[in-house]
Amino acid sequence: MAYPLSSSFNTRLPFFHRTTSPTLPPTSRIFCFSKKEQRDDENSVGISERIMKQLKSVIPILIASTVQLSFMFPLVDSVPYVSSPAAKAILYSPDTKVPRTGEVALRRAIPANTNMKAIQETLEDISYLLRIPQRKPYGTMEGNVKKVLKMAVDEKDSILASVPDELKEKASLVHQTLIDGKGGLQVLLQSIKEQEADKVSVNLQSSLDIVAELETLQAPGLSFLLPGQYMQYPRLSGRGTVEFVIEKGDGSTFSPVRGEEKKTATIQVVLDGYSAPLTTGNFAKLVMDGAYNGIKLSCANQAILSENGVDKSSGYSVPLEIMPAGQFEPLYKTTLSVQDGELPVLPLSVYGAVAMAHNEDSEEYSSPYQFFFYLYDKRNAGLGGISFDEGQFSVFGYTTIGRDILPQIKTGDIIRSATLIEGQDRLVLPKES
């Protein structure tokens, strides 16, 4: 069996370590003079000379203390504080580097043009500002939205220029919706002016969904060329969606968050061919071939695995495929070093991430058929909330519908059916020899 999680899962050292803060000098103190001391000093060297002597001894210490404190707590009018966004200054943490939902990870993975990415990042900054407790910086949020609105209007031609001709009409409508349509930027701006945090959060998500839709229209295919030796593999040039219908193996029922109990439950997974074209291509082909219909599931530590009984001849032994953040194409047959700051575009540290297990013979390759749902749990992660196995597996998608069903799945439950409901037109299959 190709186990997805390493045997050292619970024994690795955390990736982030605390550093020792500078300590203040123990000699820093304020000097006070009694009236008797003042009279004594006047009789000897005089009070002014005494004060000057004391100040000369204190000033170097106070300066040193101030310099050390400035490293710990930047001054209000210092350059580092002013040049850093408020959200990053207040919420700076390794947590903020990794998307915590599949929707955010998928949005960031779209290879859109620079204007759209600037719009996206400016709006995402509002989500950090919303986390600030007590009085929220609505003025900064309003400035962000106005900046985005101006960019969306002024750079319209540039934004639409990246869209293929056959999709330009649709993209133009989406662009207009982003500006002043339902769930667009004008609606978001109004909710910010009303200073209702819950409404801002909902409208922000709606605006970001529209941004993602427009970005997807800008990127109908891959933004890089695959290495020649991998051209014989199936590949997914963009996004796809797989719908699983799960049934209980013991005849019991699922309990959805909304709705009545049912014997079957539906889960949808969005496949990201932008970052993992070979892995998603192989998986999509297996789904279309019906390879996962009737397959049993088993529960392991933080994972739900498909059984390894799929016909081995039906899948491709795809090399380990991971797209590092900040890069334009995936790496093959190599893992990432999170300790050195390498993070994947599609992180494992998200509840409902979907990844391939390792090949039984070599960890440089993924299993041709066995996949798993990752049940991320921050309590079992390292400092910064990063999974101990981050950067070690080919993550190729995220559960977007049915995340509430995942914890109800038990060993012995069955995939009744797996269907590729979107993305067939982006699946490129190798020519039959």
Foldseek 3Di string as FASTA:
>chain_A
DQDFDDPCQQPDAFLDDDDDQDDQDPPADDDDDDPVRQVVCCVPVHDVVVVVVVCVVRVVSVVVRVVSVCVVPPDPPDDVVVVDDPLCVVPVFLLVVDDAAQVVLLLLLQPFDPLLVLLLVLLVSVVSQLPDPDDGPLVSVLVSLVVSLVSLVVCVVVLLVLADPVCSVVLVVLSVCQNDNVLHSVQLNVVSVVVDSVSNVVSSVSSSVSSSVSSQRSQVFEPDDDPPVCPQAKWFGAKFKKKWKWFFQVQDWFPDPDDHTDRIDIWMKMFGRRQPGRVVLQAQQCQVVFQQAFWFWADDVQKIKTDPPGDQVSFDFAFFWFAWPPDRYTDALDFDDVSVVTATSQKLLYQFFKFFRADPVDLRTGRRHMIIGGGHDQVSDHGSSHRPCIRSTRTTIGTDPDSVRVVVDHGRMGGNHMHTPDRPVRIDHRDDD
